PDB file of N, CA and C in Angstrom:
ATOM      1  N   MET A   1      -9.955  16.418  14.841  1.00  0.00           N
ATOM      2  CA  MET A   1      -9.621  15.298  15.706  1.00  0.00           C
ATOM      3  C   MET A   1      -9.253  14.099  14.835  1.00  0.00           C
ATOM      4  N   THR A   2      -8.169  13.468  15.148  1.00  0.00           N
ATOM      5  CA  THR A   2      -7.716  12.306  14.386  1.00  0.00           C
ATOM      6  C   THR A   2      -8.421  11.060  14.886  1.00  0.00           C
ATOM      7  N   ARG A   3      -8.958  10.312  13.962  1.00  0.00           N
ATOM      8  CA  ARG A   3      -9.631   9.064  14.303  1.00  0.00           C
ATOM      9  C   ARG A   3      -8.598   7.947  14.328  1.00  0.00           C
ATOM     10  N   ILE A   4      -8.516   7.242  15.429  1.00  0.00           N
ATOM     11  CA  ILE A   4      -7.562   6.147  15.544  1.00  0.00           C
ATOM     12  C   ILE A   4      -8.205   4.875  15.024  1.00  0.00           C
ATOM     13  N   ARG A   5      -7.520   4.255  14.091  1.00  0.00           N
ATOM     14  CA  ARG A   5      -8.018   3.001  13.519  1.00  0.00           C
ATOM     15  C   ARG A   5      -7.659   1.849  14.442  1.00  0.00           C
ATOM     16  N   THR A   6      -8.655   1.037  14.743  1.00  0.00           N
ATOM     17  CA  THR A   6      -8.380  -0.136  15.561  1.00  0.00           C
ATOM     18  C   THR A   6      -8.239  -1.376  14.691  1.00  0.00           C
ATOM     19  N   ARG A   7      -8.796  -1.319  13.510  1.00  0.00           N
ATOM     20  CA  ARG A   7      -8.721  -2.458  12.601  1.00  0.00           C
ATOM     21  C   ARG A   7      -7.731  -2.155  11.480  1.00  0.00           C
ATOM     22  N   LYS A   8      -6.915  -3.127  11.173  1.00  0.00           N
ATOM     23  CA  LYS A   8      -5.896  -2.960  10.135  1.00  0.00           C
ATOM     24  C   LYS A   8      -6.559  -2.755   8.776  1.00  0.00           C
ATOM     25  N   PRO A   9      -6.151  -1.704   8.041  1.00  0.00           N
ATOM     26  CA  PRO A   9      -6.698  -1.503   6.696  1.00  0.00           C
ATOM     27  C   PRO A   9      -6.244  -2.619   5.761  1.00  0.00           C
ATOM     28  N   ALA A  10      -7.028  -2.872   4.752  1.00  0.00           N
ATOM     29  CA  ALA A  10      -6.658  -3.882   3.755  1.00  0.00           C
ATOM     30  C   ALA A  10      -5.463  -3.388   2.947  1.00  0.00           C
ATOM     31  N   HIS A  11      -4.580  -4.305   2.621  1.00  0.00           N
ATOM     32  CA  HIS A  11      -3.452  -3.983   1.743  1.00  0.00           C
ATOM     33  C   HIS A  11      -4.040  -3.677   0.360  1.00  0.00           C
ATOM     34  N   PRO A  12      -3.535  -2.639  -0.333  1.00  0.00           N
ATOM     35  CA  PRO A  12      -4.096  -2.295  -1.645  1.00  0.00           C
ATOM     36  C   PRO A  12      -4.005  -3.423  -2.668  1.00  0.00           C
ATOM     37  N   GLY A  13      -3.028  -4.285  -2.537  1.00  0.00           N
ATOM     38  CA  GLY A  13      -2.915  -5.421  -3.459  1.00  0.00           C
ATOM     39  C   GLY A  13      -4.054  -6.403  -3.293  1.00  0.00           C
ATOM     40  N   VAL A  14      -4.448  -6.630  -2.055  1.00  0.00           N
ATOM     41  CA  VAL A  14      -5.575  -7.518  -1.765  1.00  0.00           C
ATOM     42  C   VAL A  14      -6.859  -6.907  -2.324  1.00  0.00           C
ATOM     43  N   VAL A  15      -6.996  -5.587  -2.184  1.00  0.00           N
ATOM     44  CA  VAL A  15      -8.161  -4.875  -2.729  1.00  0.00           C
ATOM     45  C   VAL A  15      -8.168  -4.976  -4.251  1.00  0.00           C
ATOM     46  N   PHE A  16      -7.010  -4.788  -4.869  1.00  0.00           N
ATOM     47  CA  PHE A  16      -6.903  -4.871  -6.323  1.00  0.00           C
ATOM     48  C   PHE A  16      -7.348  -6.240  -6.830  1.00  0.00           C
ATOM     49  N   LYS A  17      -6.901  -7.276  -6.160  1.00  0.00           N
ATOM     50  CA  LYS A  17      -7.289  -8.632  -6.567  1.00  0.00           C
ATOM     51  C   LYS A  17      -8.793  -8.841  -6.400  1.00  0.00           C
ATOM     52  N   ALA A  18      -9.325  -8.466  -5.239  1.00  0.00           N
ATOM     53  CA  ALA A  18     -10.740  -8.705  -4.939  1.00  0.00           C
ATOM     54  C   ALA A  18     -11.682  -7.830  -5.763  1.00  0.00           C
ATOM     55  N   ASP A  19     -11.297  -6.572  -5.985  1.00  0.00           N
ATOM     56  CA  ASP A  19     -12.200  -5.627  -6.648  1.00  0.00           C
ATOM     57  C   ASP A  19     -11.986  -5.473  -8.143  1.00  0.00           C
ATOM     58  N   VAL A  20     -10.818  -5.875  -8.632  1.00  0.00           N
ATOM     59  CA  VAL A  20     -10.527  -5.693 -10.061  1.00  0.00           C
ATOM     60  C   VAL A  20     -10.284  -7.030 -10.763  1.00  0.00           C
ATOM     61  N   LEU A  21      -9.271  -7.750 -10.327  1.00  0.00           N
ATOM     62  CA  LEU A  21      -8.911  -8.984 -11.038  1.00  0.00           C
ATOM     63  C   LEU A  21      -9.994 -10.053 -10.959  1.00  0.00           C
ATOM     64  N   ASP A  22     -10.441 -10.367  -9.748  1.00  0.00           N
ATOM     65  CA  ASP A  22     -11.418 -11.449  -9.587  1.00  0.00           C
ATOM     66  C   ASP A  22     -12.725 -11.200 -10.345  1.00  0.00           C
ATOM     67  N   PRO A  23     -13.335 -10.005 -10.233  1.00  0.00           N
ATOM     68  CA  PRO A  23     -14.581  -9.775 -10.983  1.00  0.00           C
ATOM     69  C   PRO A  23     -14.411  -9.872 -12.504  1.00  0.00           C
ATOM     70  N   LEU A  24     -13.214  -9.532 -12.987  1.00  0.00           N
ATOM     71  CA  LEU A  24     -12.954  -9.606 -14.427  1.00  0.00           C
ATOM     72  C   LEU A  24     -12.491 -10.992 -14.861  1.00  0.00           C
ATOM     73  N   GLY A  25     -12.238 -11.854 -13.905  1.00  0.00           N
ATOM     74  CA  GLY A  25     -11.751 -13.196 -14.214  1.00  0.00           C
ATOM     75  C   GLY A  25     -10.344 -13.198 -14.774  1.00  0.00           C
ATOM     76  N   LEU A  26      -9.556 -12.198 -14.384  1.00  0.00           N
ATOM     77  CA  LEU A  26      -8.185 -12.077 -14.894  1.00  0.00           C
ATOM     78  C   LEU A  26      -7.183 -12.731 -13.956  1.00  0.00           C
ATOM     79  N   SER A  27      -6.230 -13.412 -14.539  1.00  0.00           N
ATOM     80  CA  SER A  27      -5.137 -13.979 -13.752  1.00  0.00           C
ATOM     81  C   SER A  27      -4.096 -12.898 -13.498  1.00  0.00           C
ATOM     82  N   VAL A  28      -3.253 -13.137 -12.530  1.00  0.00           N
ATOM     83  CA  VAL A  28      -2.148 -12.224 -12.249  1.00  0.00           C
ATOM     84  C   VAL A  28      -1.244 -12.126 -13.473  1.00  0.00           C
ATOM     85  N   THR A  29      -1.024 -13.238 -14.145  1.00  0.00           N
ATOM     86  CA  THR A  29      -0.170 -13.262 -15.335  1.00  0.00           C
ATOM     87  C   THR A  29      -0.730 -12.367 -16.433  1.00  0.00           C
ATOM     88  N   ALA A  30      -2.029 -12.496 -16.712  1.00  0.00           N
ATOM     89  CA  ALA A  30      -2.658 -11.683 -17.765  1.00  0.00           C
ATOM     90  C   ALA A  30      -2.653 -10.204 -17.397  1.00  0.00           C
ATOM     91  N   ALA A  31      -2.953  -9.900 -16.138  1.00  0.00           N
ATOM     92  CA  ALA A  31      -2.972  -8.503 -15.700  1.00  0.00           C
ATOM     93  C   ALA A  31      -1.573  -7.900 -15.747  1.00  0.00           C
ATOM     94  N   ALA A  32      -0.584  -8.658 -15.317  1.00  0.00           N
ATOM     95  CA  ALA A  32       0.797  -8.164 -15.334  1.00  0.00           C
ATOM     96  C   ALA A  32       1.234  -7.835 -16.754  1.00  0.00           C
ATOM     97  N   LYS A  33       0.894  -8.705 -17.685  1.00  0.00           N
ATOM     98  CA  LYS A  33       1.256  -8.480 -19.089  1.00  0.00           C
ATOM     99  C   LYS A  33       0.575  -7.220 -19.616  1.00  0.00           C
ATOM    100  N   ALA A  34      -0.716  -7.060 -19.321  1.00  0.00           N
ATOM    101  CA  ALA A  34      -1.469  -5.895 -19.799  1.00  0.00           C
ATOM    102  C   ALA A  34      -0.943  -4.594 -19.200  1.00  0.00           C
ATOM    103  N   MET A  35      -0.451  -4.670 -17.971  1.00  0.00           N
ATOM    104  CA  MET A  35       0.009  -3.472 -17.277  1.00  0.00           C
ATOM    105  C   MET A  35       1.499  -3.203 -17.459  1.00  0.00           C
ATOM    106  N   GLY A  36       2.210  -4.136 -18.064  1.00  0.00           N
ATOM    107  CA  GLY A  36       3.635  -3.935 -18.308  1.00  0.00           C
ATOM    108  C   GLY A  36       4.504  -4.080 -17.068  1.00  0.00           C
ATOM    109  N   VAL A  37       4.100  -4.982 -16.169  1.00  0.00           N
ATOM    110  CA  VAL A  37       4.910  -5.272 -14.984  1.00  0.00           C
ATOM    111  C   VAL A  37       5.200  -6.769 -14.954  1.00  0.00           C
ATOM    112  N   SER A  38       6.163  -7.165 -14.151  1.00  0.00           N
ATOM    113  CA  SER A  38       6.466  -8.593 -14.078  1.00  0.00           C
ATOM    114  C   SER A  38       5.377  -9.328 -13.299  1.00  0.00           C
ATOM    115  N   ARG A  39       5.180 -10.575 -13.658  1.00  0.00           N
ATOM    116  CA  ARG A  39       4.189 -11.393 -12.967  1.00  0.00           C
ATOM    117  C   ARG A  39       4.577 -11.538 -11.500  1.00  0.00           C
ATOM    118  N   LYS A  40       5.871 -11.695 -11.255  1.00  0.00           N
ATOM    119  CA  LYS A  40       6.353 -11.863  -9.887  1.00  0.00           C
ATOM    120  C   LYS A  40       6.011 -10.645  -9.035  1.00  0.00           C
ATOM    121  N   HIS A  41       6.260  -9.452  -9.566  1.00  0.00           N
ATOM    122  CA  HIS A  41       5.981  -8.232  -8.802  1.00  0.00           C
ATOM    123  C   HIS A  41       4.484  -8.091  -8.527  1.00  0.00           C
ATOM    124  N   LEU A  42       3.659  -8.327  -9.531  1.00  0.00           N
ATOM    125  CA  LEU A  42       2.218  -8.197  -9.319  1.00  0.00           C
ATOM    126  C   LEU A  42       1.717  -9.254  -8.342  1.00  0.00           C
ATOM    127  N   SER A  43       2.288 -10.444  -8.410  1.00  0.00           N
ATOM    128  CA  SER A  43       1.919 -11.500  -7.468  1.00  0.00           C
ATOM    129  C   SER A  43       2.267 -11.097  -6.033  1.00  0.00           C
ATOM    130  N   LEU A  44       3.453 -10.550  -5.842  1.00  0.00           N
ATOM    131  CA  LEU A  44       3.840 -10.071  -4.516  1.00  0.00           C
ATOM    132  C   LEU A  44       2.870  -8.996  -4.035  1.00  0.00           C
ATOM    133  N   PHE A  45       2.478  -8.105  -4.928  1.00  0.00           N
ATOM    134  CA  PHE A  45       1.560  -7.020  -4.589  1.00  0.00           C
ATOM    135  C   PHE A  45       0.183  -7.554  -4.193  1.00  0.00           C
ATOM    136  N   VAL A  46      -0.417  -8.395  -5.015  1.00  0.00           N
ATOM    137  CA  VAL A  46      -1.781  -8.871  -4.718  1.00  0.00           C
ATOM    138  C   VAL A  46      -1.820  -9.787  -3.498  1.00  0.00           C
ATOM    139  N   ASN A  47      -0.674 -10.316  -3.107  1.00  0.00           N
ATOM    140  CA  ASN A  47      -0.612 -11.148  -1.903  1.00  0.00           C
ATOM    141  C   ASN A  47      -0.160 -10.359  -0.674  1.00  0.00           C
ATOM    142  N   GLY A  48      -0.070  -9.032  -0.824  1.00  0.00           N
ATOM    143  CA  GLY A  48       0.245  -8.171   0.307  1.00  0.00           C
ATOM    144  C   GLY A  48       1.700  -8.138   0.717  1.00  0.00           C
ATOM    145  N   HIS A  49       2.600  -8.552  -0.182  1.00  0.00           N
ATOM    146  CA  HIS A  49       4.026  -8.606   0.150  1.00  0.00           C
ATOM    147  C   HIS A  49       4.849  -7.522  -0.535  1.00  0.00           C
ATOM    148  N   ALA A  50       4.216  -6.668  -1.335  1.00  0.00           N
ATOM    149  CA  ALA A  50       4.904  -5.550  -1.985  1.00  0.00           C
ATOM    150  C   ALA A  50       3.993  -4.332  -1.917  1.00  0.00           C
ATOM    151  N   SER A  51       4.605  -3.179  -1.758  1.00  0.00           N
ATOM    152  CA  SER A  51       3.850  -1.931  -1.659  1.00  0.00           C
ATOM    153  C   SER A  51       3.403  -1.432  -3.023  1.00  0.00           C
ATOM    154  N   CYS A  52       2.438  -0.530  -2.990  1.00  0.00           N
ATOM    155  CA  CYS A  52       1.964   0.120  -4.213  1.00  0.00           C
ATOM    156  C   CYS A  52       2.794   1.381  -4.429  1.00  0.00           C
ATOM    157  N   SER A  53       3.723   1.322  -5.351  1.00  0.00           N
ATOM    158  CA  SER A  53       4.565   2.473  -5.680  1.00  0.00           C
ATOM    159  C   SER A  53       3.776   3.449  -6.546  1.00  0.00           C
ATOM    160  N   LYS A  54       4.346   4.631  -6.766  1.00  0.00           N
ATOM    161  CA  LYS A  54       3.702   5.598  -7.663  1.00  0.00           C
ATOM    162  C   LYS A  54       3.542   5.000  -9.053  1.00  0.00           C
ATOM    163  N   ASP A  55       4.578   4.315  -9.518  1.00  0.00           N
ATOM    164  CA  ASP A  55       4.538   3.702 -10.846  1.00  0.00           C
ATOM    165  C   ASP A  55       3.415   2.671 -10.945  1.00  0.00           C
ATOM    166  N   LEU A  56       3.329   1.800  -9.954  1.00  0.00           N
ATOM    167  CA  LEU A  56       2.288   0.773  -9.984  1.00  0.00           C
ATOM    168  C   LEU A  56       0.906   1.401  -9.864  1.00  0.00           C
ATOM    169  N   ALA A  57       0.769   2.420  -9.020  1.00  0.00           N
ATOM    170  CA  ALA A  57      -0.521   3.107  -8.879  1.00  0.00           C
ATOM    171  C   ALA A  57      -0.964   3.711 -10.208  1.00  0.00           C
ATOM    172  N   LEU A  58      -0.031   4.304 -10.936  1.00  0.00           N
ATOM    173  CA  LEU A  58      -0.347   4.870 -12.254  1.00  0.00           C
ATOM    174  C   LEU A  58      -0.799   3.783 -13.225  1.00  0.00           C
ATOM    175  N   ARG A  59      -0.107   2.668 -13.214  1.00  0.00           N
ATOM    176  CA  ARG A  59      -0.461   1.558 -14.111  1.00  0.00           C
ATOM    177  C   ARG A  59      -1.825   0.965 -13.757  1.00  0.00           C
ATOM    178  N   ILE A  60      -2.060   0.757 -12.463  1.00  0.00           N
ATOM    179  CA  ILE A  60      -3.350   0.211 -12.028  1.00  0.00           C
ATOM    180  C   ILE A  60      -4.478   1.167 -12.393  1.00  0.00           C
ATOM    181  N   ALA A  61      -4.283   2.451 -12.127  1.00  0.00           N
ATOM    182  CA  ALA A  61      -5.315   3.447 -12.420  1.00  0.00           C
ATOM    183  C   ALA A  61      -5.653   3.471 -13.906  1.00  0.00           C
ATOM    184  N   LYS A  62      -4.631   3.471 -14.742  1.00  0.00           N
ATOM    185  CA  LYS A  62      -4.863   3.496 -16.190  1.00  0.00           C
ATOM    186  C   LYS A  62      -5.546   2.215 -16.656  1.00  0.00           C
ATOM    187  N   ALA A  63      -5.107   1.080 -16.147  1.00  0.00           N
ATOM    188  CA  ALA A  63      -5.650  -0.207 -16.587  1.00  0.00           C
ATOM    189  C   ALA A  63      -7.060  -0.467 -16.070  1.00  0.00           C
ATOM    190  N   SER A  64      -7.390   0.097 -14.915  1.00  0.00           N
ATOM    191  CA  SER A  64      -8.686  -0.215 -14.301  1.00  0.00           C
ATOM    192  C   SER A  64      -9.686   0.934 -14.305  1.00  0.00           C
ATOM    193  N   GLY A  65      -9.265   2.099 -14.785  1.00  0.00           N
ATOM    194  CA  GLY A  65     -10.180   3.242 -14.810  1.00  0.00           C
ATOM    195  C   GLY A  65     -10.443   3.817 -13.426  1.00  0.00           C
ATOM    196  N   THR A  66      -9.479   3.643 -12.535  1.00  0.00           N
ATOM    197  CA  THR A  66      -9.601   4.187 -11.185  1.00  0.00           C
ATOM    198  C   THR A  66      -8.610   5.334 -11.031  1.00  0.00           C
ATOM    199  N   SER A  67      -8.550   5.926  -9.843  1.00  0.00           N
ATOM    200  CA  SER A  67      -7.641   7.055  -9.653  1.00  0.00           C
ATOM    201  C   SER A  67      -6.329   6.626  -9.009  1.00  0.00           C
ATOM    202  N   VAL A  68      -5.279   7.311  -9.381  1.00  0.00           N
ATOM    203  CA  VAL A  68      -3.966   7.086  -8.776  1.00  0.00           C
ATOM    204  C   VAL A  68      -4.060   7.376  -7.278  1.00  0.00           C
ATOM    205  N   ALA A  69      -4.752   8.455  -6.945  1.00  0.00           N
ATOM    206  CA  ALA A  69      -4.872   8.862  -5.541  1.00  0.00           C
ATOM    207  C   ALA A  69      -5.481   7.770  -4.675  1.00  0.00           C
ATOM    208  N   SER A  70      -6.459   7.054  -5.201  1.00  0.00           N
ATOM    209  CA  SER A  70      -7.101   6.018  -4.384  1.00  0.00           C
ATOM    210  C   SER A  70      -6.114   4.922  -4.002  1.00  0.00           C
ATOM    211  N   TRP A  71      -5.251   4.519  -4.924  1.00  0.00           N
ATOM    212  CA  TRP A  71      -4.281   3.456  -4.650  1.00  0.00           C
ATOM    213  C   TRP A  71      -3.181   3.932  -3.710  1.00  0.00           C
ATOM    214  N   LEU A  72      -2.710   5.160  -3.909  1.00  0.00           N
ATOM    215  CA  LEU A  72      -1.665   5.683  -3.034  1.00  0.00           C
ATOM    216  C   LEU A  72      -2.210   5.988  -1.639  1.00  0.00           C
ATOM    217  N   THR A  73      -3.467   6.417  -1.562  1.00  0.00           N
ATOM    218  CA  THR A  73      -4.097   6.654  -0.262  1.00  0.00           C
ATOM    219  C   THR A  73      -4.249   5.347   0.504  1.00  0.00           C
ATOM    220  N   MET A  74      -4.689   4.296  -0.191  1.00  0.00           N
ATOM    221  CA  MET A  74      -4.800   2.986   0.461  1.00  0.00           C
ATOM    222  C   MET A  74      -3.450   2.538   0.999  1.00  0.00           C
ATOM    223  N   GLN A  75      -2.401   2.714   0.193  1.00  0.00           N
ATOM    224  CA  GLN A  75      -1.063   2.303   0.620  1.00  0.00           C
ATOM    225  C   GLN A  75      -0.615   3.122   1.820  1.00  0.00           C
ATOM    226  N   SER A  76      -0.875   4.424   1.772  1.00  0.00           N
ATOM    227  CA  SER A  76      -0.485   5.297   2.875  1.00  0.00           C
ATOM    228  C   SER A  76      -1.189   4.908   4.172  1.00  0.00           C
ATOM    229  N   ARG A  77      -2.484   4.655   4.103  1.00  0.00           N
ATOM    230  CA  ARG A  77      -3.234   4.248   5.300  1.00  0.00           C
ATOM    231  C   ARG A  77      -2.705   2.927   5.851  1.00  0.00           C
ATOM    232  N   TYR A  78      -2.396   2.010   4.953  1.00  0.00           N
ATOM    233  CA  TYR A  78      -1.842   0.719   5.364  1.00  0.00           C
ATOM    234  C   TYR A  78      -0.487   0.922   6.055  1.00  0.00           C
ATOM    235  N   ASP A  79       0.371   1.754   5.461  1.00  0.00           N
ATOM    236  CA  ASP A  79       1.703   2.009   6.014  1.00  0.00           C
ATOM    237  C   ASP A  79       1.628   2.693   7.380  1.00  0.00           C
ATOM    238  N   VAL A  80       0.717   3.663   7.518  1.00  0.00           N
ATOM    239  CA  VAL A  80       0.556   4.363   8.796  1.00  0.00           C
ATOM    240  C   VAL A  80       0.123   3.382   9.876  1.00  0.00           C
ATOM    241  N   TRP A  81      -0.850   2.533   9.557  1.00  0.00           N
ATOM    242  CA  TRP A  81      -1.315   1.550  10.540  1.00  0.00           C
ATOM    243  C   TRP A  81      -0.167   0.631  10.943  1.00  0.00           C
ATOM    244  N   GLU A  82       0.589   0.155   9.960  1.00  0.00           N
ATOM    245  CA  GLU A  82       1.726  -0.726  10.244  1.00  0.00           C
ATOM    246  C   GLU A  82       2.743  -0.022  11.146  1.00  0.00           C
ATOM    247  N   ALA A  83       3.038   1.237  10.862  1.00  0.00           N
ATOM    248  CA  ALA A  83       4.015   1.987  11.657  1.00  0.00           C
ATOM    249  C   ALA A  83       3.530   2.174  13.092  1.00  0.00           C
ATOM    250  N   GLU A  84       2.253   2.496  13.243  1.00  0.00           N
ATOM    251  CA  GLU A  84       1.705   2.740  14.574  1.00  0.00           C
ATOM    252  C   GLU A  84       1.550   1.468  15.397  1.00  0.00           C
ATOM    253  N   HIS A  85       1.477   0.328  14.745  1.00  0.00           N
ATOM    254  CA  HIS A  85       1.249  -0.925  15.458  1.00  0.00           C
ATOM    255  C   HIS A  85       2.456  -1.862  15.438  1.00  0.00           C
ATOM    256  N   SER A  86       3.602  -1.354  15.023  1.00  0.00           N
ATOM    257  CA  SER A  86       4.802  -2.194  14.988  1.00  0.00           C
ATOM    258  C   SER A  86       5.604  -1.999  16.272  1.00  0.00           C
ATOM    259  N   ASP A  87       6.613  -2.800  16.441  1.00  0.00           N
ATOM    260  CA  ASP A  87       7.498  -2.696  17.595  1.00  0.00           C
ATOM    261  C   ASP A  87       8.366  -1.455  17.412  1.00  0.00           C
ATOM    262  N   ASN A  88       8.101  -0.446  18.204  1.00  0.00           N
ATOM    263  CA  ASN A  88       8.833   0.814  18.077  1.00  0.00           C
ATOM    264  C   ASN A  88       9.971   0.942  19.081  1.00  0.00           C
ATOM    265  N   SER A  89      10.371  -0.158  19.695  1.00  0.00           N
ATOM    266  CA  SER A  89      11.420  -0.102  20.719  1.00  0.00           C
ATOM    267  C   SER A  89      12.752   0.397  20.163  1.00  0.00           C
ATOM    268  N   ARG A  90      12.993   0.200  18.891  1.00  0.00           N
ATOM    269  CA  ARG A  90      14.274   0.643  18.327  1.00  0.00           C
ATOM    270  C   ARG A  90      14.360   2.168  18.237  1.00  0.00           C
ATOM    271  N   PHE A  91      13.233   2.856  18.480  1.00  0.00           N
ATOM    272  CA  PHE A  91      13.230   4.316  18.449  1.00  0.00           C
ATOM    273  C   PHE A  91      13.286   4.924  19.846  1.00  0.00           C
ATOM    274  N   ALA A  92      13.510   4.097  20.856  1.00  0.00           N
ATOM    275  CA  ALA A  92      13.524   4.567  22.244  1.00  0.00           C
ATOM    276  C   ALA A  92      14.584   5.640  22.479  1.00  0.00           C
ATOM    277  N   SER A  93      15.670   5.606  21.744  1.00  0.00           N
ATOM    278  CA  SER A  93      16.755   6.571  21.953  1.00  0.00           C
ATOM    279  C   SER A  93      16.569   7.873  21.166  1.00  0.00           C
ATOM    280  N   VAL A  94      15.517   7.978  20.371  1.00  0.00           N
ATOM    281  CA  VAL A  94      15.274   9.199  19.595  1.00  0.00           C
ATOM    282  C   VAL A  94      14.864  10.317  20.549  1.00  0.00           C
ATOM    283  N   GLN A  95      15.527  11.453  20.418  1.00  0.00           N
ATOM    284  CA  GLN A  95      15.273  12.587  21.297  1.00  0.00           C
ATOM    285  C   GLN A  95      14.369  13.614  20.629  1.00  0.00           C
ATOM    286  N   SER A  96      13.652  14.352  21.446  1.00  0.00           N
ATOM    287  CA  SER A  96      12.824  15.453  20.963  1.00  0.00           C
ATOM    288  C   SER A  96      13.743  16.579  20.497  1.00  0.00           C
ATOM    289  N   LEU A  97      13.511  17.081  19.305  1.00  0.00           N
ATOM    290  CA  LEU A  97      14.342  18.172  18.784  1.00  0.00           C
ATOM    291  C   LEU A  97      14.133  19.452  19.582  1.00  0.00           C
ATOM    292  N   VAL A  98      12.930  19.659  20.093  1.00  0.00           N
ATOM    293  CA  VAL A  98      12.657  20.843  20.912  1.00  0.00           C
ATOM    294  C   VAL A  98      13.496  20.787  22.185  1.00  0.00           C
ATOM    295  N   GLU A  99      13.548  19.608  22.805  1.00  0.00           N
ATOM    296  CA  GLU A  99      14.353  19.464  24.022  1.00  0.00           C
ATOM    297  C   GLU A  99      15.839  19.627  23.724  1.00  0.00           C
ATOM    298  N   VAL A 100      16.299  19.099  22.618  1.00  0.00           N
ATOM    299  CA  VAL A 100      17.708  19.231  22.241  1.00  0.00           C
ATOM    300  C   VAL A 100      18.049  20.698  21.985  1.00  0.00           C
ATOM    301  N   ALA A 101      17.143  21.430  21.352  1.00  0.00           N
ATOM    302  CA  ALA A 101      17.374  22.837  21.034  1.00  0.00           C
ATOM    303  C   ALA A 101      17.455  23.701  22.292  1.00  0.00           C
ATOM    304  N   HIS A 102      16.793  23.298  23.351  1.00  0.00           N
ATOM    305  CA  HIS A 102      16.774  24.089  24.584  1.00  0.00           C
ATOM    306  C   HIS A 102      17.819  23.651  25.600  1.00  0.00           C
ATOM    307  N   VAL A 103      18.717  22.804  25.187  1.00  0.00           N
ATOM    308  CA  VAL A 103      19.758  22.326  26.116  1.00  0.00           C
ATOM    309  C   VAL A 103      20.850  23.345  26.252  1.00  0.00           C
TER     310      VAL A 103
END
């Protein structure tokens, strides 16, 4: 049985800032330099405005001693919640493939 989430999951960037950067006292600039990403991109990520790509997940995992899967899972859960709770009216014309096949 699928459990329906009623509360929006935290964006992985917000989690990264709260659970990794803040406890270590690291700035976005210092973390970006250590991880080999631009400060702008990491800033967008920690402020919830950029997704966690495979590349970024690998860098975060290596830099923080965490797993790639945890970061990609967080991003996936966030994306699923966003998709399920967004305005889906633009998909009103999408037809069922089963119904199309039986026409």
